[in-house]
Amino acid sequence: MASRVLFNSSVLQATKRAGVRFSSTASAAEQEAIRAHAAKAADTWKKISIFVCIPALAAASFNAYNLYEKHHEHLHEHPPQFVNYEYINWRAKQFFWGNEALFYNPKVNFSAEQ
């Protein structure tokens, strides 16, 4: 139902006419006032982007890096313990490239032979 309203040619034509009327009947002073307001709003958002968003991203990146370093140190002090459950690395037959899974990483995953 909404598509009928949105794509109805009479609605589109009325929208186009309203836009044409506004631009043709607006005085030069009115158009200049609109441009001045838009320039001030654009300048405000540019300042917000530069002085708020970029420092916030830098602070969040610094925080994430520090948390990663702490986590990495903790893993070196207390490595994860492997529990050999019977359903881990269960294979009916080997893969054609070997016994390890496709995304096997020896630094992170435990070997199927263990």
PDB file of N, CA and C in Angstrom:
ATOM      1  N   MET A   1       0.822  -1.191   0.000  1.00  0.00           N
ATOM      2  CA  MET A   1       0.000   0.000   0.000  1.00  0.00           C
ATOM      3  C   MET A   1       0.867   1.256   0.000  1.00  0.00           C
ATOM      4  N   ALA A   2       1.945   1.193   0.786  1.00  0.00           N
ATOM      5  CA  ALA A   2       2.822   2.363   0.855  1.00  0.00           C
ATOM      6  C   ALA A   2       3.500   2.613  -0.483  1.00  0.00           C
ATOM      7  N   SER A   3       3.789   1.537  -1.227  1.00  0.00           N
ATOM      8  CA  SER A   3       4.436   1.717  -2.525  1.00  0.00           C
ATOM      9  C   SER A   3       3.512   2.452  -3.498  1.00  0.00           C
ATOM     10  N   ARG A   4       2.216   2.224  -3.364  1.00  0.00           N
ATOM     11  CA  ARG A   4       1.279   2.935  -4.243  1.00  0.00           C
ATOM     12  C   ARG A   4       1.308   4.432  -3.966  1.00  0.00           C
ATOM     13  N   VAL A   5       1.419   4.779  -2.680  1.00  0.00           N
ATOM     14  CA  VAL A   5       1.444   6.193  -2.319  1.00  0.00           C
ATOM     15  C   VAL A   5       2.764   6.819  -2.744  1.00  0.00           C
ATOM     16  N   LEU A   6       3.867   6.098  -2.503  1.00  0.00           N
ATOM     17  CA  LEU A   6       5.180   6.659  -2.792  1.00  0.00           C
ATOM     18  C   LEU A   6       5.448   6.791  -4.285  1.00  0.00           C
ATOM     19  N   PHE A   7       4.998   5.810  -5.050  1.00  0.00           N
ATOM     20  CA  PHE A   7       5.325   5.795  -6.461  1.00  0.00           C
ATOM     21  C   PHE A   7       4.154   6.220  -7.354  1.00  0.00           C
ATOM     22  N   ASN A   8       3.134   6.770  -6.770  1.00  0.00           N
ATOM     23  CA  ASN A   8       1.996   7.263  -7.538  1.00  0.00           C
ATOM     24  C   ASN A   8       2.453   8.485  -8.324  1.00  0.00           C
ATOM     25  N   SER A   9       2.163   8.512  -9.597  1.00  0.00           N
ATOM     26  CA  SER A   9       2.658   9.599 -10.440  1.00  0.00           C
ATOM     27  C   SER A   9       2.084  10.950 -10.022  1.00  0.00           C
ATOM     28  N   SER A  10       0.848  10.976  -9.533  1.00  0.00           N
ATOM     29  CA  SER A  10       0.271  12.267  -9.123  1.00  0.00           C
ATOM     30  C   SER A  10       0.985  12.808  -7.892  1.00  0.00           C
ATOM     31  N   VAL A  11       1.400  11.921  -6.977  1.00  0.00           N
ATOM     32  CA  VAL A  11       2.141  12.369  -5.797  1.00  0.00           C
ATOM     33  C   VAL A  11       3.504  12.903  -6.205  1.00  0.00           C
ATOM     34  N   LEU A  12       4.162  12.197  -7.126  1.00  0.00           N
ATOM     35  CA  LEU A  12       5.469  12.658  -7.601  1.00  0.00           C
ATOM     36  C   LEU A  12       5.364  13.996  -8.316  1.00  0.00           C
ATOM     37  N   GLN A  13       4.335  14.138  -9.126  1.00  0.00           N
ATOM     38  CA  GLN A  13       4.157  15.388  -9.860  1.00  0.00           C
ATOM     39  C   GLN A  13       3.895  16.546  -8.901  1.00  0.00           C
ATOM     40  N   ALA A  14       3.092  16.314  -7.870  1.00  0.00           N
ATOM     41  CA  ALA A  14       2.811  17.369  -6.893  1.00  0.00           C
ATOM     42  C   ALA A  14       4.086  17.765  -6.147  1.00  0.00           C
ATOM     43  N   THR A  15       4.910  16.780  -5.829  1.00  0.00           N
ATOM     44  CA  THR A  15       6.169  17.064  -5.145  1.00  0.00           C
ATOM     45  C   THR A  15       7.084  17.876  -6.049  1.00  0.00           C
ATOM     46  N   LYS A  16       7.171  17.498  -7.303  1.00  0.00           N
ATOM     47  CA  LYS A  16       8.008  18.232  -8.243  1.00  0.00           C
ATOM     48  C   LYS A  16       7.511  19.661  -8.409  1.00  0.00           C
ATOM     49  N   ARG A  17       6.190  19.820  -8.511  1.00  0.00           N
ATOM     50  CA  ARG A  17       5.646  21.172  -8.676  1.00  0.00           C
ATOM     51  C   ARG A  17       5.915  22.021  -7.451  1.00  0.00           C
ATOM     52  N   ALA A  18       5.788  21.438  -6.266  1.00  0.00           N
ATOM     53  CA  ALA A  18       6.032  22.202  -5.043  1.00  0.00           C
ATOM     54  C   ALA A  18       7.479  22.671  -5.002  1.00  0.00           C
ATOM     55  N   GLY A  19       8.407  21.815  -5.411  1.00  0.00           N
ATOM     56  CA  GLY A  19       9.806  22.211  -5.435  1.00  0.00           C
ATOM     57  C   GLY A  19      10.059  23.314  -6.438  1.00  0.00           C
ATOM     58  N   VAL A  20       9.437  23.217  -7.584  1.00  0.00           N
ATOM     59  CA  VAL A  20       9.609  24.230  -8.617  1.00  0.00           C
ATOM     60  C   VAL A  20       9.002  25.546  -8.154  1.00  0.00           C
ATOM     61  N   ARG A  21       7.845  25.487  -7.529  1.00  0.00           N
ATOM     62  CA  ARG A  21       7.207  26.706  -7.040  1.00  0.00           C
ATOM     63  C   ARG A  21       8.077  27.390  -6.008  1.00  0.00           C
ATOM     64  N   PHE A  22       8.634  26.596  -5.090  1.00  0.00           N
ATOM     65  CA  PHE A  22       9.429  27.206  -4.026  1.00  0.00           C
ATOM     66  C   PHE A  22      10.647  27.911  -4.613  1.00  0.00           C
ATOM     67  N   SER A  23      11.331  27.233  -5.521  1.00  0.00           N
ATOM     68  CA  SER A  23      12.547  27.841  -6.058  1.00  0.00           C
ATOM     69  C   SER A  23      12.230  29.023  -6.975  1.00  0.00           C
ATOM     70  N   SER A  24      11.079  28.984  -7.624  1.00  0.00           N
ATOM     71  CA  SER A  24      10.770  30.083  -8.541  1.00  0.00           C
ATOM     72  C   SER A  24      10.175  31.279  -7.813  1.00  0.00           C
ATOM     73  N   THR A  25       9.496  31.059  -6.680  1.00  0.00           N
ATOM     74  CA  THR A  25       8.842  32.168  -5.992  1.00  0.00           C
ATOM     75  C   THR A  25       9.666  32.714  -4.838  1.00  0.00           C
ATOM     76  N   ALA A  26      10.720  31.994  -4.427  1.00  0.00           N
ATOM     77  CA  ALA A  26      11.528  32.488  -3.315  1.00  0.00           C
ATOM     78  C   ALA A  26      12.357  33.671  -3.790  1.00  0.00           C
ATOM     79  N   SER A  27      12.391  34.685  -2.965  1.00  0.00           N
ATOM     80  CA  SER A  27      13.167  35.866  -3.340  1.00  0.00           C
ATOM     81  C   SER A  27      14.655  35.589  -3.157  1.00  0.00           C
ATOM     82  N   ALA A  28      15.447  36.449  -3.718  1.00  0.00           N
ATOM     83  CA  ALA A  28      16.900  36.294  -3.610  1.00  0.00           C
ATOM     84  C   ALA A  28      17.339  36.406  -2.158  1.00  0.00           C
ATOM     85  N   ALA A  29      16.691  37.281  -1.397  1.00  0.00           N
ATOM     86  CA  ALA A  29      17.040  37.442   0.018  1.00  0.00           C
ATOM     87  C   ALA A  29      16.704  36.174   0.808  1.00  0.00           C
ATOM     88  N   GLU A  30      15.555  35.574   0.465  1.00  0.00           N
ATOM     89  CA  GLU A  30      15.160  34.325   1.132  1.00  0.00           C
ATOM     90  C   GLU A  30      16.159  33.206   0.836  1.00  0.00           C
ATOM     91  N   GLN A  31      16.542  33.096  -0.421  1.00  0.00           N
ATOM     92  CA  GLN A  31      17.504  32.067  -0.798  1.00  0.00           C
ATOM     93  C   GLN A  31      18.856  32.310  -0.136  1.00  0.00           C
ATOM     94  N   GLU A  32      19.265  33.535  -0.027  1.00  0.00           N
ATOM     95  CA  GLU A  32      20.540  33.859   0.626  1.00  0.00           C
ATOM     96  C   GLU A  32      20.477  33.532   2.118  1.00  0.00           C
ATOM     97  N   ALA A  33      19.332  33.771   2.746  1.00  0.00           N
ATOM     98  CA  ALA A  33      19.175  33.436   4.166  1.00  0.00           C
ATOM     99  C   ALA A  33      19.261  31.923   4.363  1.00  0.00           C
ATOM    100  N   ILE A  34      18.672  31.165   3.458  1.00  0.00           N
ATOM    101  CA  ILE A  34      18.735  29.700   3.536  1.00  0.00           C
ATOM    102  C   ILE A  34      20.180  29.231   3.382  1.00  0.00           C
ATOM    103  N   ARG A  35      20.902  29.819   2.426  1.00  0.00           N
ATOM    104  CA  ARG A  35      22.304  29.441   2.217  1.00  0.00           C
ATOM    105  C   ARG A  35      23.150  29.792   3.440  1.00  0.00           C
ATOM    106  N   ALA A  36      22.917  30.939   4.058  1.00  0.00           N
ATOM    107  CA  ALA A  36      23.681  31.351   5.248  1.00  0.00           C
ATOM    108  C   ALA A  36      23.417  30.398   6.411  1.00  0.00           C
ATOM    109  N   HIS A  37      22.148  30.028   6.584  1.00  0.00           N
ATOM    110  CA  HIS A  37      21.812  29.082   7.659  1.00  0.00           C
ATOM    111  C   HIS A  37      22.471  27.728   7.399  1.00  0.00           C
ATOM    112  N   ALA A  38      22.448  27.268   6.160  1.00  0.00           N
ATOM    113  CA  ALA A  38      23.066  25.989   5.818  1.00  0.00           C
ATOM    114  C   ALA A  38      24.573  26.050   6.026  1.00  0.00           C
ATOM    115  N   ALA A  39      25.194  27.179   5.704  1.00  0.00           N
ATOM    116  CA  ALA A  39      26.639  27.315   5.898  1.00  0.00           C
ATOM    117  C   ALA A  39      26.989  27.254   7.383  1.00  0.00           C
ATOM    118  N   LYS A  40      26.180  27.913   8.238  1.00  0.00           N
ATOM    119  CA  LYS A  40      26.447  27.862   9.684  1.00  0.00           C
ATOM    120  C   LYS A  40      26.271  26.446  10.222  1.00  0.00           C
ATOM    121  N   ALA A  41      25.237  25.750   9.771  1.00  0.00           N
ATOM    122  CA  ALA A  41      24.998  24.375  10.234  1.00  0.00           C
ATOM    123  C   ALA A  41      26.120  23.455   9.771  1.00  0.00           C
ATOM    124  N   ALA A  42      26.570  23.615   8.531  1.00  0.00           N
ATOM    125  CA  ALA A  42      27.661  22.790   8.027  1.00  0.00           C
ATOM    126  C   ALA A  42      28.946  23.064   8.793  1.00  0.00           C
ATOM    127  N   ASP A  43      29.207  24.334   9.123  1.00  0.00           N
ATOM    128  CA  ASP A  43      30.399  24.685   9.892  1.00  0.00           C
ATOM    129  C   ASP A  43      30.335  24.088  11.300  1.00  0.00           C
ATOM    130  N   THR A  44      29.159  24.089  11.903  1.00  0.00           N
ATOM    131  CA  THR A  44      28.987  23.493  13.241  1.00  0.00           C
ATOM    132  C   THR A  44      29.294  22.003  13.203  1.00  0.00           C
ATOM    133  N   TRP A  45      28.757  21.286  12.219  1.00  0.00           N
ATOM    134  CA  TRP A  45      28.999  19.844  12.142  1.00  0.00           C
ATOM    135  C   TRP A  45      30.445  19.532  11.778  1.00  0.00           C
ATOM    136  N   LYS A  46      31.072  20.398  11.014  1.00  0.00           N
ATOM    137  CA  LYS A  46      32.489  20.202  10.695  1.00  0.00           C
ATOM    138  C   LYS A  46      33.325  20.322  11.973  1.00  0.00           C
ATOM    139  N   LYS A  47      33.029  21.325  12.801  1.00  0.00           N
ATOM    140  CA  LYS A  47      33.758  21.494  14.062  1.00  0.00           C
ATOM    141  C   LYS A  47      33.498  20.324  15.002  1.00  0.00           C
ATOM    142  N   ILE A  48      32.255  19.844  15.060  1.00  0.00           N
ATOM    143  CA  ILE A  48      31.942  18.693  15.908  1.00  0.00           C
ATOM    144  C   ILE A  48      32.722  17.479  15.436  1.00  0.00           C
ATOM    145  N   SER A  49      32.796  17.276  14.131  1.00  0.00           N
ATOM    146  CA  SER A  49      33.529  16.128  13.593  1.00  0.00           C
ATOM    147  C   SER A  49      35.004  16.206  13.937  1.00  0.00           C
ATOM    148  N   ILE A  50      35.590  17.385  13.796  1.00  0.00           N
ATOM    149  CA  ILE A  50      37.032  17.521  14.021  1.00  0.00           C
ATOM    150  C   ILE A  50      37.378  17.508  15.505  1.00  0.00           C
ATOM    151  N   PHE A  51      36.652  18.254  16.317  1.00  0.00           N
ATOM    152  CA  PHE A  51      37.045  18.441  17.711  1.00  0.00           C
ATOM    153  C   PHE A  51      36.391  17.483  18.703  1.00  0.00           C
ATOM    154  N   VAL A  52      35.392  16.715  18.263  1.00  0.00           N
ATOM    155  CA  VAL A  52      34.746  15.755  19.163  1.00  0.00           C
ATOM    156  C   VAL A  52      34.943  14.325  18.670  1.00  0.00           C
ATOM    157  N   CYS A  53      34.591  14.068  17.431  1.00  0.00           N
ATOM    158  CA  CYS A  53      34.612  12.687  16.928  1.00  0.00           C
ATOM    159  C   CYS A  53      36.021  12.130  16.808  1.00  0.00           C
ATOM    160  N   ILE A  54      36.941  12.892  16.253  1.00  0.00           N
ATOM    161  CA  ILE A  54      38.305  12.382  16.069  1.00  0.00           C
ATOM    162  C   ILE A  54      38.981  12.122  17.413  1.00  0.00           C
ATOM    163  N   PRO A  55      38.924  13.038  18.398  1.00  0.00           N
ATOM    164  CA  PRO A  55      39.506  12.696  19.709  1.00  0.00           C
ATOM    165  C   PRO A  55      38.800  11.524  20.393  1.00  0.00           C
ATOM    166  N   ALA A  56      37.495  11.404  20.214  1.00  0.00           N
ATOM    167  CA  ALA A  56      36.775  10.268  20.815  1.00  0.00           C
ATOM    168  C   ALA A  56      37.234   8.960  20.182  1.00  0.00           C
ATOM    169  N   LEU A  57      37.430   8.941  18.871  1.00  0.00           N
ATOM    170  CA  LEU A  57      37.942   7.745  18.213  1.00  0.00           C
ATOM    171  C   LEU A  57      39.355   7.421  18.668  1.00  0.00           C
ATOM    172  N   ALA A  58      40.191   8.436  18.843  1.00  0.00           N
ATOM    173  CA  ALA A  58      41.555   8.210  19.318  1.00  0.00           C
ATOM    174  C   ALA A  58      41.543   7.634  20.737  1.00  0.00           C
ATOM    175  N   ALA A  59      40.703   8.171  21.607  1.00  0.00           N
ATOM    176  CA  ALA A  59      40.617   7.661  22.987  1.00  0.00           C
ATOM    177  C   ALA A  59      40.093   6.232  23.007  1.00  0.00           C
ATOM    178  N   ALA A  60      39.103   5.924  22.198  1.00  0.00           N
ATOM    179  CA  ALA A  60      38.561   4.562  22.150  1.00  0.00           C
ATOM    180  C   ALA A  60      39.603   3.591  21.601  1.00  0.00           C
ATOM    181  N   SER A  61      40.380   4.019  20.609  1.00  0.00           N
ATOM    182  CA  SER A  61      41.435   3.161  20.060  1.00  0.00           C
ATOM    183  C   SER A  61      42.516   2.898  21.096  1.00  0.00           C
ATOM    184  N   PHE A  62      42.909   3.918  21.825  1.00  0.00           N
ATOM    185  CA  PHE A  62      43.916   3.774  22.878  1.00  0.00           C
ATOM    186  C   PHE A  62      43.416   2.807  23.962  1.00  0.00           C
ATOM    187  N   ASN A  63      42.158   2.945  24.354  1.00  0.00           N
ATOM    188  CA  ASN A  63      41.579   2.062  25.359  1.00  0.00           C
ATOM    189  C   ASN A  63      41.536   0.614  24.860  1.00  0.00           C
ATOM    190  N   ALA A  64      41.130   0.409  23.622  1.00  0.00           N
ATOM    191  CA  ALA A  64      41.066  -0.942  23.062  1.00  0.00           C
ATOM    192  C   ALA A  64      42.455  -1.568  22.996  1.00  0.00           C
ATOM    193  N   TYR A  65      43.464  -0.786  22.627  1.00  0.00           N
ATOM    194  CA  TYR A  65      44.830  -1.305  22.557  1.00  0.00           C
ATOM    195  C   TYR A  65      45.322  -1.708  23.946  1.00  0.00           C
ATOM    196  N   ASN A  66      45.054  -0.878  24.952  1.00  0.00           N
ATOM    197  CA  ASN A  66      45.475  -1.222  26.322  1.00  0.00           C
ATOM    198  C   ASN A  66      44.781  -2.492  26.809  1.00  0.00           C
ATOM    199  N   LEU A  67      43.506  -2.646  26.537  1.00  0.00           N
ATOM    200  CA  LEU A  67      42.789  -3.858  26.939  1.00  0.00           C
ATOM    201  C   LEU A  67      43.348  -5.080  26.230  1.00  0.00           C
ATOM    202  N   TYR A  68      43.703  -4.938  24.955  1.00  0.00           N
ATOM    203  CA  TYR A  68      44.291  -6.046  24.202  1.00  0.00           C
ATOM    204  C   TYR A  68      45.629  -6.446  24.807  1.00  0.00           C
ATOM    205  N   GLU A  69      46.456  -5.478  25.156  1.00  0.00           N
ATOM    206  CA  GLU A  69      47.765  -5.779  25.747  1.00  0.00           C
ATOM    207  C   GLU A  69      47.610  -6.503  27.085  1.00  0.00           C
ATOM    208  N   LYS A  70      46.688  -6.050  27.919  1.00  0.00           N
ATOM    209  CA  LYS A  70      46.454  -6.724  29.211  1.00  0.00           C
ATOM    210  C   LYS A  70      45.980  -8.159  28.985  1.00  0.00           C
ATOM    211  N   HIS A  71      45.105  -8.349  28.044  1.00  0.00           N
ATOM    212  CA  HIS A  71      44.594  -9.685  27.756  1.00  0.00           C
ATOM    213  C   HIS A  71      45.717 -10.582  27.232  1.00  0.00           C
ATOM    214  N   HIS A  72      46.562 -10.037  26.386  1.00  0.00           N
ATOM    215  CA  HIS A  72      47.674 -10.798  25.823  1.00  0.00           C
ATOM    216  C   HIS A  72      48.657 -11.211  26.924  1.00  0.00           C
ATOM    217  N   GLU A  73      48.965 -10.302  27.860  1.00  0.00           N
ATOM    218  CA  GLU A  73      49.839 -10.632  28.989  1.00  0.00           C
ATOM    219  C   GLU A  73      49.209 -11.711  29.865  1.00  0.00           C
ATOM    220  N   HIS A  74      47.910 -11.615  30.079  1.00  0.00           N
ATOM    221  CA  HIS A  74      47.211 -12.596  30.906  1.00  0.00           C
ATOM    222  C   HIS A  74      47.266 -13.980  30.268  1.00  0.00           C
ATOM    223  N   LEU A  75      47.146 -14.044  28.948  1.00  0.00           N
ATOM    224  CA  LEU A  75      47.221 -15.337  28.270  1.00  0.00           C
ATOM    225  C   LEU A  75      48.613 -15.950  28.381  1.00  0.00           C
ATOM    226  N   HIS A  76      49.650 -15.109  28.416  1.00  0.00           N
ATOM    227  CA  HIS A  76      51.003 -15.646  28.593  1.00  0.00           C
ATOM    228  C   HIS A  76      51.200 -16.185  30.000  1.00  0.00           C
ATOM    229  N   GLU A  77      50.618 -15.523  31.004  1.00  0.00           N
ATOM    230  CA  GLU A  77      50.745 -15.977  32.392  1.00  0.00           C
ATOM    231  C   GLU A  77      49.905 -17.224  32.649  1.00  0.00           C
ATOM    232  N   HIS A  78      48.714 -17.270  32.105  1.00  0.00           N
ATOM    233  CA  HIS A  78      47.785 -18.376  32.325  1.00  0.00           C
ATOM    234  C   HIS A  78      47.292 -18.907  30.983  1.00  0.00           C
ATOM    235  N   PRO A  79      48.051 -19.782  30.330  1.00  0.00           N
ATOM    236  CA  PRO A  79      47.595 -20.298  29.032  1.00  0.00           C
ATOM    237  C   PRO A  79      46.332 -21.139  29.192  1.00  0.00           C
ATOM    238  N   PRO A  80      45.505 -21.176  28.163  1.00  0.00           N
ATOM    239  CA  PRO A  80      44.270 -21.951  28.268  1.00  0.00           C
ATOM    240  C   PRO A  80      44.563 -23.447  28.392  1.00  0.00           C
ATOM    241  N   GLN A  81      43.789 -24.116  29.215  1.00  0.00           N
ATOM    242  CA  GLN A  81      43.963 -25.545  29.428  1.00  0.00           C
ATOM    243  C   GLN A  81      43.079 -26.307  28.443  1.00  0.00           C
ATOM    244  N   PHE A  82      43.649 -27.352  27.856  1.00  0.00           N
ATOM    245  CA  PHE A  82      42.907 -28.144  26.894  1.00  0.00           C
ATOM    246  C   PHE A  82      42.251 -29.324  27.607  1.00  0.00           C
ATOM    247  N   VAL A  83      40.966 -29.472  27.419  1.00  0.00           N
ATOM    248  CA  VAL A  83      40.227 -30.612  27.949  1.00  0.00           C
ATOM    249  C   VAL A  83      39.833 -31.461  26.745  1.00  0.00           C
ATOM    250  N   ASN A  84      40.277 -32.698  26.729  1.00  0.00           N
ATOM    251  CA  ASN A  84      40.058 -33.551  25.563  1.00  0.00           C
ATOM    252  C   ASN A  84      38.714 -34.269  25.696  1.00  0.00           C
ATOM    253  N   TYR A  85      37.654 -33.571  25.338  1.00  0.00           N
ATOM    254  CA  TYR A  85      36.335 -34.194  25.324  1.00  0.00           C
ATOM    255  C   TYR A  85      36.258 -35.137  24.135  1.00  0.00           C
ATOM    256  N   GLU A  86      35.406 -36.146  24.229  1.00  0.00           N
ATOM    257  CA  GLU A  86      35.357 -37.155  23.174  1.00  0.00           C
ATOM    258  C   GLU A  86      34.771 -36.625  21.862  1.00  0.00           C
ATOM    259  N   TYR A  87      34.033 -35.532  21.911  1.00  0.00           N
ATOM    260  CA  TYR A  87      33.417 -35.011  20.696  1.00  0.00           C
ATOM    261  C   TYR A  87      34.266 -33.929  20.020  1.00  0.00           C
ATOM    262  N   ILE A  88      35.390 -33.525  20.617  1.00  0.00           N
ATOM    263  CA  ILE A  88      36.266 -32.535  20.003  1.00  0.00           C
ATOM    264  C   ILE A  88      37.158 -33.230  18.985  1.00  0.00           C
ATOM    265  N   ASN A  89      37.294 -32.642  17.820  1.00  0.00           N
ATOM    266  CA  ASN A  89      38.111 -33.167  16.713  1.00  0.00           C
ATOM    267  C   ASN A  89      37.699 -34.580  16.309  1.00  0.00           C
ATOM    268  N   TRP A  90      36.440 -34.897  16.378  1.00  0.00           N
ATOM    269  CA  TRP A  90      35.955 -36.212  15.949  1.00  0.00           C
ATOM    270  C   TRP A  90      35.860 -36.206  14.430  1.00  0.00           C
ATOM    271  N   ARG A  91      36.472 -37.198  13.803  1.00  0.00           N
ATOM    272  CA  ARG A  91      36.463 -37.294  12.349  1.00  0.00           C
ATOM    273  C   ARG A  91      36.008 -38.690  11.923  1.00  0.00           C
ATOM    274  N   ALA A  92      35.091 -38.784  11.001  1.00  0.00           N
ATOM    275  CA  ALA A  92      34.714 -40.067  10.424  1.00  0.00           C
ATOM    276  C   ALA A  92      35.795 -40.518   9.452  1.00  0.00           C
ATOM    277  N   LYS A  93      36.373 -39.560   8.745  1.00  0.00           N
ATOM    278  CA  LYS A  93      37.522 -39.838   7.877  1.00  0.00           C
ATOM    279  C   LYS A  93      38.327 -38.546   7.782  1.00  0.00           C
ATOM    280  N   GLN A  94      39.573 -38.656   7.380  1.00  0.00           N
ATOM    281  CA  GLN A  94      40.435 -37.483   7.289  1.00  0.00           C
ATOM    282  C   GLN A  94      40.023 -36.602   6.111  1.00  0.00           C
ATOM    283  N   PHE A  95      40.362 -35.304   6.244  1.00  0.00           N
ATOM    284  CA  PHE A  95      40.197 -34.402   5.115  1.00  0.00           C
ATOM    285  C   PHE A  95      41.244 -34.756   4.075  1.00  0.00           C
ATOM    286  N   PHE A  96      41.033 -34.374   2.824  1.00  0.00           N
ATOM    287  CA  PHE A  96      42.002 -34.743   1.790  1.00  0.00           C
ATOM    288  C   PHE A  96      43.320 -33.988   1.950  1.00  0.00           C
ATOM    289  N   TRP A  97      43.363 -32.914   2.767  1.00  0.00           N
ATOM    290  CA  TRP A  97      44.615 -32.193   3.002  1.00  0.00           C
ATOM    291  C   TRP A  97      45.296 -32.636   4.295  1.00  0.00           C
ATOM    292  N   GLY A  98      44.688 -33.504   5.073  1.00  0.00           N
ATOM    293  CA  GLY A  98      45.278 -33.979   6.327  1.00  0.00           C
ATOM    294  C   GLY A  98      44.227 -34.087   7.400  1.00  0.00           C
ATOM    295  N   ASN A  99      44.681 -34.251   8.633  1.00  0.00           N
ATOM    296  CA  ASN A  99      43.750 -34.475   9.737  1.00  0.00           C
ATOM    297  C   ASN A  99      43.269 -33.178  10.376  1.00  0.00           C
ATOM    298  N   GLU A 100      43.909 -32.057  10.097  1.00  0.00           N
ATOM    299  CA  GLU A 100      43.522 -30.783  10.716  1.00  0.00           C
ATOM    300  C   GLU A 100      42.419 -30.105   9.913  1.00  0.00           C
ATOM    301  N   ALA A 101      41.627 -29.283  10.578  1.00  0.00           N
ATOM    302  CA  ALA A 101      40.544 -28.556   9.919  1.00  0.00           C
ATOM    303  C   ALA A 101      41.122 -27.518   8.956  1.00  0.00           C
ATOM    304  N   LEU A 102      40.275 -26.944   8.133  1.00  0.00           N
ATOM    305  CA  LEU A 102      40.710 -26.012   7.105  1.00  0.00           C
ATOM    306  C   LEU A 102      41.334 -24.756   7.726  1.00  0.00           C
ATOM    307  N   PHE A 103      40.762 -24.259   8.815  1.00  0.00           N
ATOM    308  CA  PHE A 103      41.256 -23.038   9.442  1.00  0.00           C
ATOM    309  C   PHE A 103      42.058 -23.347  10.707  1.00  0.00           C
ATOM    310  N   TYR A 104      42.787 -24.431  10.723  1.00  0.00           N
ATOM    311  CA  TYR A 104      43.594 -24.821  11.881  1.00  0.00           C
ATOM    312  C   TYR A 104      44.769 -23.859  12.031  1.00  0.00           C
ATOM    313  N   ASN A 105      44.964 -23.379  13.254  1.00  0.00           N
ATOM    314  CA  ASN A 105      46.081 -22.499  13.587  1.00  0.00           C
ATOM    315  C   ASN A 105      46.794 -23.111  14.784  1.00  0.00           C
ATOM    316  N   PRO A 106      48.049 -23.558  14.653  1.00  0.00           N
ATOM    317  CA  PRO A 106      48.716 -24.241  15.764  1.00  0.00           C
ATOM    318  C   PRO A 106      48.955 -23.353  16.978  1.00  0.00           C
ATOM    319  N   LYS A 107      48.931 -22.022  16.817  1.00  0.00           N
ATOM    320  CA  LYS A 107      49.123 -21.131  17.963  1.00  0.00           C
ATOM    321  C   LYS A 107      47.857 -21.017  18.807  1.00  0.00           C
ATOM    322  N   VAL A 108      46.705 -21.280  18.210  1.00  0.00           N
ATOM    323  CA  VAL A 108      45.428 -21.067  18.902  1.00  0.00           C
ATOM    324  C   VAL A 108      44.692 -22.379  19.123  1.00  0.00           C
ATOM    325  N   ASN A 109      44.634 -23.236  18.110  1.00  0.00           N
ATOM    326  CA  ASN A 109      43.870 -24.477  18.181  1.00  0.00           C
ATOM    327  C   ASN A 109      44.739 -25.629  18.641  1.00  0.00           C
ATOM    328  N   PHE A 110      44.103 -26.632  19.244  1.00  0.00           N
ATOM    329  CA  PHE A 110      44.810 -27.814  19.659  1.00  0.00           C
ATOM    330  C   PHE A 110      44.750 -28.835  18.532  1.00  0.00           C
ATOM    331  N   SER A 111      45.814 -29.589  18.405  1.00  0.00           N
ATOM    332  CA  SER A 111      45.920 -30.532  17.293  1.00  0.00           C
ATOM    333  C   SER A 111      44.966 -31.715  17.492  1.00  0.00           C
ATOM    334  N   ALA A 112      44.535 -32.304  16.381  1.00  0.00           N
ATOM    335  CA  ALA A 112      43.640 -33.458  16.438  1.00  0.00           C
ATOM    336  C   ALA A 112      44.402 -34.710  16.890  1.00  0.00           C
ATOM    337  N   GLU A 113      45.721 -34.705  16.753  1.00  0.00           N
ATOM    338  CA  GLU A 113      46.505 -35.858  17.175  1.00  0.00           C
ATOM    339  C   GLU A 113      46.685 -35.938  18.692  1.00  0.00           C
ATOM    340  N   GLN A 114      46.445 -34.863  19.407  1.00  0.00           N
ATOM    341  CA  GLN A 114      46.663 -34.864  20.851  1.00  0.00           C
ATOM    342  C   GLN A 114      45.634 -35.676  21.591  1.00  0.00           C
TER     343      GLN A 114
END
